[in-house]
Amino acid sequence: MDNSQENAEYLSAHGFSKLKEELSTLKSKKRKEIAERLEYAKSLGDLSENAEYSEAKEEQQTMEARIADLEDILSRAVLISHPVEASFVDIGTTVLAMREDSGKEGSFHIVGREEADPAQNRISNESPLGQALLGKRKGEVAVVYTPKGEARYRIIDIR
């Protein structure tokens, strides 16, 4: 894997647009709100004992860090498409797999880390299970090492 792929941030078109929207809101609306709060706090006088000013400054720092993070993520974004017919597990595919020790089936959508939501079965390509599944084909077994030992998932289908 070349260095550009190593630093890539994998996003769906929807995820990319959500992050762009968040960045736009932070840069326009949120920056203005915080600037107004800071001006108001300054008007109250002594800044050394002004909780309103300290709180607004802290919020400003947090917001600016998020803006920088979003700009970085978007600059490294690689849009993932949903393959019509996947022959192997890749980012953007949905995998139906059976855990061999319990016989329990699960469906996992492989996404980039910014879009991961395990409660919705959207797992990151960087997670232990995501890494184990990547590149596997229907019928193959993905082995995940957990604190409780080895977990084996047999791939039933890839969509």
C-alpha atoms as a PDB file:
ATOM      1  CA  MET A   1       0.000   0.000   0.000  1.00  0.00           C
ATOM      2  CA  ASP A   2       1.471   3.372  -0.946  1.00  0.00           C
ATOM      3  CA  ASN A   3       1.658   6.230   1.524  1.00  0.00           C
ATOM      4  CA  SER A   4      -1.351   8.061   0.065  1.00  0.00           C
ATOM      5  CA  GLN A   5      -3.569   5.018   0.611  1.00  0.00           C
ATOM      6  CA  GLU A   6      -2.133   4.498   4.070  1.00  0.00           C
ATOM      7  CA  ASN A   7      -3.321   7.977   5.081  1.00  0.00           C
ATOM      8  CA  ALA A   8      -6.631   7.761   3.214  1.00  0.00           C
ATOM      9  CA  GLU A   9      -9.869   8.418   5.030  1.00  0.00           C
ATOM     10  CA  TYR A  10     -12.548   6.208   3.464  1.00  0.00           C
ATOM     11  CA  LEU A  11     -15.987   7.807   3.249  1.00  0.00           C
ATOM     12  CA  SER A  12     -19.252   7.167   1.457  1.00  0.00           C
ATOM     13  CA  ALA A  13     -20.647  10.039  -0.612  1.00  0.00           C
ATOM     14  CA  HIS A  14     -23.218  10.579   2.158  1.00  0.00           C
ATOM     15  CA  GLY A  15     -20.566  10.613   4.882  1.00  0.00           C
ATOM     16  CA  PHE A  16     -18.403  13.019   2.862  1.00  0.00           C
ATOM     17  CA  SER A  17     -21.304  15.418   2.406  1.00  0.00           C
ATOM     18  CA  LYS A  18     -22.225  15.222   6.128  1.00  0.00           C
ATOM     19  CA  LEU A  19     -18.661  16.146   7.126  1.00  0.00           C
ATOM     20  CA  LYS A  20     -18.552  18.989   4.569  1.00  0.00           C
ATOM     21  CA  GLU A  21     -21.850  20.299   5.955  1.00  0.00           C
ATOM     22  CA  GLU A  22     -20.538  20.127   9.533  1.00  0.00           C
ATOM     23  CA  LEU A  23     -17.377  21.989   8.486  1.00  0.00           C
ATOM     24  CA  SER A  24     -19.389  24.681   6.750  1.00  0.00           C
ATOM     25  CA  THR A  25     -21.655  25.151   9.790  1.00  0.00           C
ATOM     26  CA  LEU A  26     -18.684  25.373  12.156  1.00  0.00           C
ATOM     27  CA  LYS A  27     -16.836  27.872   9.964  1.00  0.00           C
ATOM     28  CA  SER A  28     -19.777  30.177   9.403  1.00  0.00           C
ATOM     29  CA  LYS A  29     -22.493  29.953  12.035  1.00  0.00           C
ATOM     30  CA  LYS A  30     -20.599  28.523  15.035  1.00  0.00           C
ATOM     31  CA  ARG A  31     -17.543  30.781  14.669  1.00  0.00           C
ATOM     32  CA  LYS A  32     -19.839  33.819  14.593  1.00  0.00           C
ATOM     33  CA  GLU A  33     -21.756  32.660  17.689  1.00  0.00           C
ATOM     34  CA  ILE A  34     -18.559  32.148  19.682  1.00  0.00           C
ATOM     35  CA  ALA A  35     -17.121  35.483  18.522  1.00  0.00           C
ATOM     36  CA  GLU A  36     -20.300  37.202  19.757  1.00  0.00           C
ATOM     37  CA  ARG A  37     -20.046  35.398  23.114  1.00  0.00           C
ATOM     38  CA  LEU A  38     -16.414  36.464  23.463  1.00  0.00           C
ATOM     39  CA  GLU A  39     -17.287  40.097  22.692  1.00  0.00           C
ATOM     40  CA  TYR A  40     -20.086  40.017  25.262  1.00  0.00           C
ATOM     41  CA  ALA A  41     -17.798  38.436  27.872  1.00  0.00           C
ATOM     42  CA  LYS A  42     -15.131  41.097  27.217  1.00  0.00           C
ATOM     43  CA  SER A  43     -17.724  43.798  27.797  1.00  0.00           C
ATOM     44  CA  LEU A  44     -18.290  42.447  31.309  1.00  0.00           C
ATOM     45  CA  GLY A  45     -14.851  43.639  32.392  1.00  0.00           C
ATOM     46  CA  ASP A  46     -12.026  41.809  34.183  1.00  0.00           C
ATOM     47  CA  LEU A  47     -11.178  38.783  32.031  1.00  0.00           C
ATOM     48  CA  SER A  48      -9.089  37.060  34.694  1.00  0.00           C
ATOM     49  CA  GLU A  49     -12.172  36.213  36.749  1.00  0.00           C
ATOM     50  CA  ASN A  50     -14.687  35.990  33.921  1.00  0.00           C
ATOM     51  CA  ALA A  51     -16.128  32.462  33.693  1.00  0.00           C
ATOM     52  CA  GLU A  52     -18.179  33.353  30.604  1.00  0.00           C
ATOM     53  CA  TYR A  53     -15.017  34.432  28.757  1.00  0.00           C
ATOM     54  CA  SER A  54     -13.048  31.343  29.837  1.00  0.00           C
ATOM     55  CA  GLU A  55     -15.862  29.033  28.778  1.00  0.00           C
ATOM     56  CA  ALA A  56     -16.233  30.736  25.383  1.00  0.00           C
ATOM     57  CA  LYS A  57     -12.448  30.577  24.791  1.00  0.00           C
ATOM     58  CA  GLU A  58     -12.417  26.867  25.637  1.00  0.00           C
ATOM     59  CA  GLU A  59     -15.342  26.215  23.291  1.00  0.00           C
ATOM     60  CA  GLN A  60     -13.546  28.203  20.584  1.00  0.00           C
ATOM     61  CA  GLN A  61     -10.416  26.057  20.959  1.00  0.00           C
ATOM     62  CA  THR A  62     -12.452  22.842  20.787  1.00  0.00           C
ATOM     63  CA  MET A  63     -14.297  24.083  17.696  1.00  0.00           C
ATOM     64  CA  GLU A  64     -11.093  25.179  15.935  1.00  0.00           C
ATOM     65  CA  ALA A  65      -9.556  21.765  16.639  1.00  0.00           C
ATOM     66  CA  ARG A  66     -12.632  20.072  15.115  1.00  0.00           C
ATOM     67  CA  ILE A  67     -12.431  22.368  12.067  1.00  0.00           C
ATOM     68  CA  ALA A  68      -8.770  21.427  11.574  1.00  0.00           C
ATOM     69  CA  ASP A  69      -9.643  17.737  12.014  1.00  0.00           C
ATOM     70  CA  LEU A  70     -12.478  17.932   9.469  1.00  0.00           C
ATOM     71  CA  GLU A  71     -10.299  19.780   6.952  1.00  0.00           C
ATOM     72  CA  ASP A  72      -7.640  17.103   7.337  1.00  0.00           C
ATOM     73  CA  ILE A  73     -10.136  14.240   6.958  1.00  0.00           C
ATOM     74  CA  LEU A  74     -11.752  15.801   3.884  1.00  0.00           C
ATOM     75  CA  SER A  75      -8.365  16.484   2.275  1.00  0.00           C
ATOM     76  CA  ARG A  76      -7.489  12.767   2.568  1.00  0.00           C
ATOM     77  CA  ALA A  77     -10.966  11.471   1.698  1.00  0.00           C
ATOM     78  CA  VAL A  78     -11.332   8.585  -0.697  1.00  0.00           C
ATOM     79  CA  LEU A  79     -14.943   8.069  -1.702  1.00  0.00           C
ATOM     80  CA  ILE A  80     -16.097   4.494  -1.557  1.00  0.00           C
ATOM     81  CA  SER A  81     -18.694   3.148  -3.916  1.00  0.00           C
ATOM     82  CA  HIS A  82     -21.017   0.268  -3.298  1.00  0.00           C
ATOM     83  CA  PRO A  83     -20.067  -2.524  -5.681  1.00  0.00           C
ATOM     84  CA  VAL A  84     -22.876  -4.079  -7.680  1.00  0.00           C
ATOM     85  CA  GLU A  85     -21.458  -7.556  -7.207  1.00  0.00           C
ATOM     86  CA  ALA A  86     -18.538  -8.025  -4.857  1.00  0.00           C
ATOM     87  CA  SER A  87     -16.344 -11.089  -5.109  1.00  0.00           C
ATOM     88  CA  PHE A  88     -14.381 -10.204  -1.976  1.00  0.00           C
ATOM     89  CA  VAL A  89     -14.853  -8.084   1.148  1.00  0.00           C
ATOM     90  CA  ASP A  90     -13.821  -4.470   0.662  1.00  0.00           C
ATOM     91  CA  ILE A  91     -14.713  -1.089   2.081  1.00  0.00           C
ATOM     92  CA  GLY A  92     -18.296  -0.374   1.077  1.00  0.00           C
ATOM     93  CA  THR A  93     -19.434  -4.001   1.035  1.00  0.00           C
ATOM     94  CA  THR A  94     -21.884  -5.665   3.372  1.00  0.00           C
ATOM     95  CA  VAL A  95     -20.860  -9.056   4.697  1.00  0.00           C
ATOM     96  CA  LEU A  96     -23.165 -11.739   6.031  1.00  0.00           C
ATOM     97  CA  ALA A  97     -21.085 -13.942   8.313  1.00  0.00           C
ATOM     98  CA  MET A  98     -21.678 -16.699  10.836  1.00  0.00           C
ATOM     99  CA  ARG A  99     -19.693 -16.898  14.034  1.00  0.00           C
ATOM    100  CA  GLU A 100     -18.511 -20.504  14.086  1.00  0.00           C
ATOM    101  CA  ASP A 101     -18.533 -21.027  17.879  1.00  0.00           C
ATOM    102  CA  SER A 102     -22.146 -19.890  18.329  1.00  0.00           C
ATOM    103  CA  GLY A 103     -23.703 -20.362  14.893  1.00  0.00           C
ATOM    104  CA  LYS A 104     -24.981 -16.788  15.191  1.00  0.00           C
ATOM    105  CA  GLU A 105     -25.225 -14.842  11.928  1.00  0.00           C
ATOM    106  CA  GLY A 106     -24.473 -11.170  11.602  1.00  0.00           C
ATOM    107  CA  SER A 107     -24.443  -8.592   8.854  1.00  0.00           C
ATOM    108  CA  PHE A 108     -21.608  -6.053   8.812  1.00  0.00           C
ATOM    109  CA  HIS A 109     -21.256  -3.043   6.537  1.00  0.00           C
ATOM    110  CA  ILE A 110     -17.552  -2.172   6.139  1.00  0.00           C
ATOM    111  CA  VAL A 111     -17.001   1.608   6.277  1.00  0.00           C
ATOM    112  CA  GLY A 112     -14.249   4.104   7.058  1.00  0.00           C
ATOM    113  CA  ARG A 113     -13.686   5.038  10.704  1.00  0.00           C
ATOM    114  CA  GLU A 114     -15.600   8.350  10.527  1.00  0.00           C
ATOM    115  CA  GLU A 115     -18.786   6.502   9.566  1.00  0.00           C
ATOM    116  CA  ALA A 116     -18.408   3.526  11.910  1.00  0.00           C
ATOM    117  CA  ASP A 117     -21.395   2.836  14.147  1.00  0.00           C
ATOM    118  CA  PRO A 118     -21.244  -0.666  15.675  1.00  0.00           C
ATOM    119  CA  ALA A 119     -24.805  -0.333  16.999  1.00  0.00           C
ATOM    120  CA  GLN A 120     -25.932  -0.074  13.355  1.00  0.00           C
ATOM    121  CA  ASN A 121     -23.548  -2.886  12.232  1.00  0.00           C
ATOM    122  CA  ARG A 122     -21.369  -0.329  10.419  1.00  0.00           C
ATOM    123  CA  ILE A 123     -17.844  -1.415  11.290  1.00  0.00           C
ATOM    124  CA  SER A 124     -14.618   0.369  10.503  1.00  0.00           C
ATOM    125  CA  ASN A 125     -12.132  -1.122   8.089  1.00  0.00           C
ATOM    126  CA  GLU A 126      -9.591  -0.388  10.857  1.00  0.00           C
ATOM    127  CA  SER A 127     -11.406  -2.398  13.558  1.00  0.00           C
ATOM    128  CA  PRO A 128     -10.131  -5.894  14.369  1.00  0.00           C
ATOM    129  CA  LEU A 129     -13.188  -7.526  12.731  1.00  0.00           C
ATOM    130  CA  GLY A 130     -13.065  -5.157   9.751  1.00  0.00           C
ATOM    131  CA  GLN A 131      -9.378  -5.909   9.191  1.00  0.00           C
ATOM    132  CA  ALA A 132      -9.970  -9.660   9.469  1.00  0.00           C
ATOM    133  CA  LEU A 133     -12.825  -9.564   6.935  1.00  0.00           C
ATOM    134  CA  LEU A 134     -11.095  -7.403   4.310  1.00  0.00           C
ATOM    135  CA  GLY A 135     -10.021  -9.341   1.239  1.00  0.00           C
ATOM    136  CA  LYS A 136     -11.887 -12.521   2.208  1.00  0.00           C
ATOM    137  CA  ARG A 137     -14.213 -14.309  -0.233  1.00  0.00           C
ATOM    138  CA  LYS A 138     -17.513 -16.137   0.228  1.00  0.00           C
ATOM    139  CA  GLY A 139     -16.927 -19.391   2.148  1.00  0.00           C
ATOM    140  CA  GLU A 140     -13.639 -18.256   3.702  1.00  0.00           C
ATOM    141  CA  VAL A 141     -13.086 -17.819   7.428  1.00  0.00           C
ATOM    142  CA  ALA A 142     -11.957 -14.560   9.028  1.00  0.00           C
ATOM    143  CA  VAL A 143     -10.165 -14.947  12.351  1.00  0.00           C
ATOM    144  CA  VAL A 144     -10.375 -12.152  14.920  1.00  0.00           C
ATOM    145  CA  TYR A 145      -8.233 -12.175  18.033  1.00  0.00           C
ATOM    146  CA  THR A 146     -10.125 -10.887  21.069  1.00  0.00           C
ATOM    147  CA  PRO A 147      -9.298 -10.678  24.776  1.00  0.00           C
ATOM    148  CA  LYS A 148     -11.421 -13.835  25.222  1.00  0.00           C
ATOM    149  CA  GLY A 149      -9.525 -15.682  22.499  1.00  0.00           C
ATOM    150  CA  GLU A 150     -10.005 -16.381  18.851  1.00  0.00           C
ATOM    151  CA  ALA A 151     -13.348 -15.663  17.121  1.00  0.00           C
ATOM    152  CA  ARG A 152     -13.922 -17.245  13.711  1.00  0.00           C
ATOM    153  CA  TYR A 153     -16.438 -15.843  11.204  1.00  0.00           C
ATOM    154  CA  ARG A 154     -17.396 -17.860   8.099  1.00  0.00           C
ATOM    155  CA  ILE A 155     -18.439 -15.572   5.238  1.00  0.00           C
ATOM    156  CA  ILE A 156     -21.851 -16.541   3.895  1.00  0.00           C
ATOM    157  CA  ASP A 157     -22.457 -13.704   1.446  1.00  0.00           C
ATOM    158  CA  ILE A 158     -20.956 -10.428   0.264  1.00  0.00           C
ATOM    159  CA  ARG A 159     -23.102  -7.609  -1.126  1.00  0.00           C
END
